[in-house]
Amino acid sequence: MGELLTHLSHSQKRKPASKGAGQYHRLLGFVQTIRQTGGFDFLYLA
C-alpha cells in the first residue's frame, strides 16, 4: 500500500491539476474497502 501512496504523491507533484486525481482517489478508496473486506475475488471478476 505504501508504494501506491508514494506513486500517488509523485503523480500529484507532476500533474497537480490533473482532472483524474479525484477518480484516482475514489479508486484507491474502493480498493482499500475491497481489501479490508477480503473481497479480492470481486476485483478479479469485475
Protein backbone atom coordinates (compact mmCIF):
# COMPACT_ATOMS: atom_id res chain seq x y z
CA MET A 1 0.00 0.00 0.00
CA GLY A 2 2.93 2.29 0.68
CA GLU A 3 4.01 2.00 -2.95
CA LEU A 4 0.58 3.15 -4.14
CA LEU A 5 0.62 6.14 -1.81
CA THR A 6 4.14 7.02 -2.95
CA HIS A 7 3.06 6.76 -6.57
CA LEU A 8 0.04 8.93 -5.84
CA SER A 9 2.15 11.66 -4.22
CA HIS A 10 4.59 11.63 -7.15
CA SER A 11 1.72 11.80 -9.64
CA GLN A 12 0.26 14.81 -7.85
CA LYS A 13 3.62 16.58 -7.94
CA ARG A 14 3.94 16.02 -11.70
CA LYS A 15 0.32 16.87 -12.50
CA PRO A 16 -1.11 18.96 -9.62
CA ALA A 17 -4.15 19.97 -11.69
CA SER A 18 -4.89 16.51 -13.05
CA LYS A 19 -8.58 16.06 -13.80
CA GLY A 20 -8.26 12.35 -12.99
CA ALA A 21 -6.98 12.96 -9.46
CA GLY A 22 -10.47 12.71 -7.96
CA GLN A 23 -11.22 9.49 -9.82
CA TYR A 24 -7.87 8.05 -8.72
CA HIS A 25 -8.64 8.89 -5.07
CA ARG A 26 -12.04 7.17 -5.38
CA LEU A 27 -10.38 4.14 -6.97
CA LEU A 28 -7.86 3.90 -4.12
CA GLY A 29 -10.67 4.16 -1.58
CA PHE A 30 -12.62 1.44 -3.39
CA VAL A 31 -9.60 -0.86 -3.50
CA GLN A 32 -8.90 -0.26 0.19
CA THR A 33 -12.50 -1.14 1.04
CA ILE A 34 -12.31 -4.34 -1.00
CA ARG A 35 -9.01 -5.31 0.64
CA GLN A 36 -10.42 -4.68 4.11
CA THR A 37 -13.44 -6.89 3.38
CA GLY A 38 -11.26 -9.58 1.82
CA GLY A 39 -13.14 -9.35 -1.49
CA PHE A 40 -10.18 -9.89 -3.82
CA ASP A 41 -12.26 -12.30 -5.94
CA PHE A 42 -14.60 -9.43 -6.80
CA LEU A 43 -11.70 -7.42 -8.24
CA TYR A 44 -10.69 -10.30 -10.49
CA LEU A 45 -14.27 -10.87 -11.65
CA ALA A 46 -15.04 -7.19 -12.25
